[in-house]
Amino acid sequence: MKTAVYPGTFDPVTYGHLDVILRASKLFDCVIVGVLHNSSKSPLFSVEERVNILEKATKDIPNVEVKPFEGLSVNFARENHAQVII
């Protein structure tokens, strides 16, 4: 099973982000969208709001999962056993 992670702040989520997610969902068995919590920035939306927005926007794509994370993207990829970072 090929798993890919797509990390980012997604603040705000754009149609470009959604296009990348949709294209990746066709290439990989599982796409995990990692929503970064960066305490050194003051985002427009909270992490919970961004996760909620992405979950609603991707609800019709069955192999996409949205998770919040902190720290390095490479560590998030390892924790989720991903072979690819988008």
N, C-alpha and C. Protein backbone atom coordinates (compact mmCIF):
# COMPACT_ATOMS: atom_id res chain seq x y z
N MET A 1 0.84 -1.18 0.00
CA MET A 1 0.00 0.00 0.00
C MET A 1 0.89 1.25 0.00
N LYS A 2 0.70 2.12 -0.97
CA LYS A 2 1.46 3.36 -1.06
C LYS A 2 0.71 4.48 -0.36
N THR A 3 1.37 5.07 0.64
CA THR A 3 0.79 6.18 1.40
C THR A 3 1.61 7.43 1.13
N ALA A 4 0.89 8.53 0.91
CA ALA A 4 1.53 9.83 0.70
C ALA A 4 1.01 10.81 1.73
N VAL A 5 1.86 11.73 2.16
CA VAL A 5 1.41 12.81 3.03
C VAL A 5 1.56 14.12 2.27
N TYR A 6 0.63 15.00 2.52
CA TYR A 6 0.64 16.34 1.93
C TYR A 6 0.59 17.32 3.10
N PRO A 7 1.75 17.74 3.60
CA PRO A 7 1.79 18.63 4.75
C PRO A 7 1.68 20.11 4.33
N GLY A 8 1.12 20.90 5.22
CA GLY A 8 1.05 22.33 4.97
C GLY A 8 0.24 23.03 6.04
N THR A 9 0.22 24.36 5.97
CA THR A 9 -0.58 25.12 6.93
C THR A 9 -2.02 25.23 6.45
N PHE A 10 -2.22 25.29 5.14
CA PHE A 10 -3.56 25.37 4.54
C PHE A 10 -4.38 26.50 5.17
N ASP A 11 -3.76 27.68 5.24
CA ASP A 11 -4.40 28.82 5.88
C ASP A 11 -4.42 30.01 4.93
N PRO A 12 -5.41 30.12 4.11
CA PRO A 12 -6.61 29.27 3.98
C PRO A 12 -6.41 28.16 2.95
N VAL A 13 -7.35 27.24 2.94
CA VAL A 13 -7.37 26.17 1.94
C VAL A 13 -7.76 26.81 0.60
N THR A 14 -7.07 26.42 -0.47
CA THR A 14 -7.36 26.98 -1.79
C THR A 14 -7.78 25.87 -2.76
N TYR A 15 -8.31 26.29 -3.89
CA TYR A 15 -8.65 25.31 -4.93
C TYR A 15 -7.39 24.61 -5.44
N GLY A 16 -6.27 25.29 -5.40
CA GLY A 16 -5.01 24.66 -5.79
C GLY A 16 -4.65 23.51 -4.87
N HIS A 17 -4.83 23.70 -3.56
CA HIS A 17 -4.59 22.62 -2.59
C HIS A 17 -5.51 21.44 -2.90
N LEU A 18 -6.79 21.74 -3.14
CA LEU A 18 -7.75 20.68 -3.40
C LEU A 18 -7.43 19.94 -4.70
N ASP A 19 -6.93 20.65 -5.69
CA ASP A 19 -6.53 20.01 -6.95
C ASP A 19 -5.38 19.04 -6.71
N VAL A 20 -4.39 19.45 -5.93
CA VAL A 20 -3.26 18.57 -5.61
C VAL A 20 -3.75 17.33 -4.86
N ILE A 21 -4.64 17.52 -3.89
CA ILE A 21 -5.17 16.40 -3.11
C ILE A 21 -5.91 15.43 -4.02
N LEU A 22 -6.76 15.94 -4.90
CA LEU A 22 -7.52 15.08 -5.82
C LEU A 22 -6.59 14.30 -6.75
N ARG A 23 -5.59 14.97 -7.31
CA ARG A 23 -4.65 14.30 -8.20
C ARG A 23 -3.86 13.22 -7.45
N ALA A 24 -3.43 13.54 -6.23
CA ALA A 24 -2.67 12.57 -5.43
C ALA A 24 -3.52 11.37 -5.07
N SER A 25 -4.80 11.59 -4.81
CA SER A 25 -5.70 10.49 -4.43
C SER A 25 -5.83 9.45 -5.55
N LYS A 26 -5.56 9.87 -6.77
CA LYS A 26 -5.63 8.95 -7.91
C LYS A 26 -4.33 8.18 -8.10
N LEU A 27 -3.25 8.67 -7.49
CA LEU A 27 -1.94 8.04 -7.65
C LEU A 27 -1.56 7.12 -6.49
N PHE A 28 -2.13 7.39 -5.30
CA PHE A 28 -1.73 6.66 -4.09
C PHE A 28 -2.93 6.00 -3.44
N ASP A 29 -2.66 4.92 -2.70
CA ASP A 29 -3.73 4.21 -2.00
C ASP A 29 -4.33 5.05 -0.88
N CYS A 30 -3.47 5.83 -0.22
CA CYS A 30 -3.91 6.65 0.91
C CYS A 30 -3.16 7.99 0.85
N VAL A 31 -3.91 9.08 1.00
CA VAL A 31 -3.31 10.41 1.07
C VAL A 31 -3.69 11.01 2.42
N ILE A 32 -2.68 11.34 3.19
CA ILE A 32 -2.91 11.96 4.50
C ILE A 32 -2.53 13.43 4.38
N VAL A 33 -3.52 14.29 4.58
CA VAL A 33 -3.29 15.73 4.54
C VAL A 33 -2.94 16.16 5.97
N GLY A 34 -1.72 16.64 6.13
CA GLY A 34 -1.25 17.06 7.45
C GLY A 34 -1.38 18.57 7.61
N VAL A 35 -2.19 18.98 8.58
CA VAL A 35 -2.42 20.40 8.83
C VAL A 35 -1.48 20.83 9.95
N LEU A 36 -0.53 21.67 9.61
CA LEU A 36 0.52 22.07 10.55
C LEU A 36 0.03 23.09 11.56
N HIS A 37 0.33 22.82 12.82
CA HIS A 37 0.12 23.79 13.89
C HIS A 37 1.48 24.41 14.18
N ASN A 38 1.62 25.68 13.83
CA ASN A 38 2.88 26.39 14.04
C ASN A 38 2.61 27.51 15.04
N SER A 39 3.10 27.33 16.26
CA SER A 39 2.82 28.29 17.33
C SER A 39 3.51 29.64 17.12
N SER A 40 4.49 29.70 16.22
CA SER A 40 5.19 30.97 15.99
C SER A 40 4.48 31.86 14.97
N LYS A 41 3.39 31.37 14.39
CA LYS A 41 2.62 32.17 13.44
C LYS A 41 1.22 32.44 14.01
N SER A 42 0.59 33.47 13.52
CA SER A 42 -0.79 33.74 13.92
C SER A 42 -1.70 33.52 12.70
N PRO A 43 -2.24 32.32 12.59
CA PRO A 43 -3.02 31.95 11.40
C PRO A 43 -4.39 32.64 11.36
N LEU A 44 -4.95 32.69 10.17
CA LEU A 44 -6.29 33.23 9.97
C LEU A 44 -7.33 32.30 10.61
N PHE A 45 -7.14 31.00 10.44
CA PHE A 45 -8.05 29.99 11.01
C PHE A 45 -7.29 29.11 12.00
N SER A 46 -7.99 28.60 13.00
CA SER A 46 -7.36 27.68 13.95
C SER A 46 -7.10 26.34 13.26
N VAL A 47 -6.27 25.51 13.87
CA VAL A 47 -5.99 24.18 13.32
C VAL A 47 -7.29 23.38 13.19
N GLU A 48 -8.13 23.46 14.21
CA GLU A 48 -9.39 22.71 14.19
C GLU A 48 -10.28 23.16 13.03
N GLU A 49 -10.32 24.47 12.79
CA GLU A 49 -11.13 24.99 11.69
C GLU A 49 -10.58 24.53 10.35
N ARG A 50 -9.26 24.57 10.20
CA ARG A 50 -8.64 24.15 8.94
C ARG A 50 -8.87 22.66 8.69
N VAL A 51 -8.74 21.85 9.74
CA VAL A 51 -9.00 20.41 9.61
C VAL A 51 -10.45 20.19 9.20
N ASN A 52 -11.36 20.90 9.85
CA ASN A 52 -12.78 20.76 9.55
C ASN A 52 -13.09 21.17 8.10
N ILE A 53 -12.51 22.27 7.65
CA ILE A 53 -12.71 22.73 6.27
C ILE A 53 -12.22 21.68 5.28
N LEU A 54 -11.02 21.15 5.53
CA LEU A 54 -10.46 20.14 4.62
C LEU A 54 -11.25 18.84 4.65
N GLU A 55 -11.72 18.44 5.83
CA GLU A 55 -12.53 17.22 5.90
C GLU A 55 -13.81 17.37 5.09
N LYS A 56 -14.45 18.52 5.19
CA LYS A 56 -15.67 18.75 4.41
C LYS A 56 -15.36 18.81 2.92
N ALA A 57 -14.26 19.45 2.55
CA ALA A 57 -13.91 19.61 1.14
C ALA A 57 -13.50 18.29 0.49
N THR A 58 -13.01 17.34 1.28
CA THR A 58 -12.52 16.07 0.74
C THR A 58 -13.41 14.88 1.10
N LYS A 59 -14.59 15.15 1.62
CA LYS A 59 -15.46 14.08 2.11
C LYS A 59 -15.83 13.05 1.05
N ASP A 60 -15.82 13.45 -0.22
CA ASP A 60 -16.18 12.55 -1.30
C ASP A 60 -14.99 11.80 -1.89
N ILE A 61 -13.81 11.99 -1.30
CA ILE A 61 -12.61 11.28 -1.76
C ILE A 61 -12.28 10.25 -0.67
N PRO A 62 -12.61 8.99 -0.87
CA PRO A 62 -12.54 7.99 0.21
C PRO A 62 -11.14 7.68 0.74
N ASN A 63 -10.11 7.89 -0.04
CA ASN A 63 -8.77 7.53 0.42
C ASN A 63 -7.97 8.72 0.95
N VAL A 64 -8.68 9.79 1.33
CA VAL A 64 -8.03 10.97 1.89
C VAL A 64 -8.39 11.09 3.37
N GLU A 65 -7.37 11.34 4.17
CA GLU A 65 -7.52 11.51 5.61
C GLU A 65 -6.86 12.83 6.00
N VAL A 66 -7.46 13.56 6.92
CA VAL A 66 -6.92 14.85 7.36
C VAL A 66 -6.54 14.74 8.83
N LYS A 67 -5.28 15.14 9.14
CA LYS A 67 -4.78 15.06 10.51
C LYS A 67 -3.99 16.32 10.85
N PRO A 68 -4.16 16.83 12.07
CA PRO A 68 -3.30 17.92 12.50
C PRO A 68 -1.95 17.37 12.95
N PHE A 69 -0.89 18.20 12.87
CA PHE A 69 0.41 17.78 13.38
C PHE A 69 1.25 18.98 13.75
N GLU A 70 2.28 18.72 14.53
CA GLU A 70 3.26 19.73 14.92
C GLU A 70 4.64 19.17 14.60
N GLY A 71 5.59 20.05 14.40
CA GLY A 71 6.96 19.61 14.18
C GLY A 71 7.30 19.48 12.72
N LEU A 72 8.27 18.61 12.46
CA LEU A 72 8.79 18.45 11.10
C LEU A 72 7.91 17.55 10.25
N SER A 73 7.79 17.93 8.98
CA SER A 73 6.99 17.14 8.05
C SER A 73 7.54 15.73 7.88
N VAL A 74 8.87 15.60 7.88
CA VAL A 74 9.47 14.28 7.71
C VAL A 74 9.11 13.36 8.87
N ASN A 75 9.02 13.89 10.07
CA ASN A 75 8.61 13.08 11.23
C ASN A 75 7.13 12.68 11.10
N PHE A 76 6.31 13.59 10.63
CA PHE A 76 4.89 13.29 10.41
C PHE A 76 4.76 12.17 9.37
N ALA A 77 5.56 12.24 8.32
CA ALA A 77 5.53 11.20 7.28
C ALA A 77 5.94 9.85 7.86
N ARG A 78 7.00 9.84 8.66
CA ARG A 78 7.45 8.58 9.29
C ARG A 78 6.39 8.01 10.22
N GLU A 79 5.77 8.86 11.03
CA GLU A 79 4.73 8.41 11.97
C GLU A 79 3.56 7.77 11.25
N ASN A 80 3.31 8.21 10.03
CA ASN A 80 2.18 7.69 9.26
C ASN A 80 2.60 6.66 8.21
N HIS A 81 3.85 6.22 8.28
CA HIS A 81 4.39 5.18 7.41
C HIS A 81 4.23 5.52 5.93
N ALA A 82 4.45 6.80 5.62
CA ALA A 82 4.31 7.27 4.24
C ALA A 82 5.58 7.01 3.45
N GLN A 83 5.42 6.69 2.19
CA GLN A 83 6.54 6.51 1.29
C GLN A 83 6.84 7.78 0.50
N VAL A 84 5.88 8.70 0.47
CA VAL A 84 6.00 9.90 -0.36
C VAL A 84 5.52 11.12 0.40
N ILE A 85 6.22 12.25 0.21
CA ILE A 85 5.75 13.55 0.69
C ILE A 85 5.42 14.38 -0.55
N ILE A 86 4.22 14.90 -0.59
CA ILE A 86 3.78 15.69 -1.74
C ILE A 86 4.10 17.16 -1.49
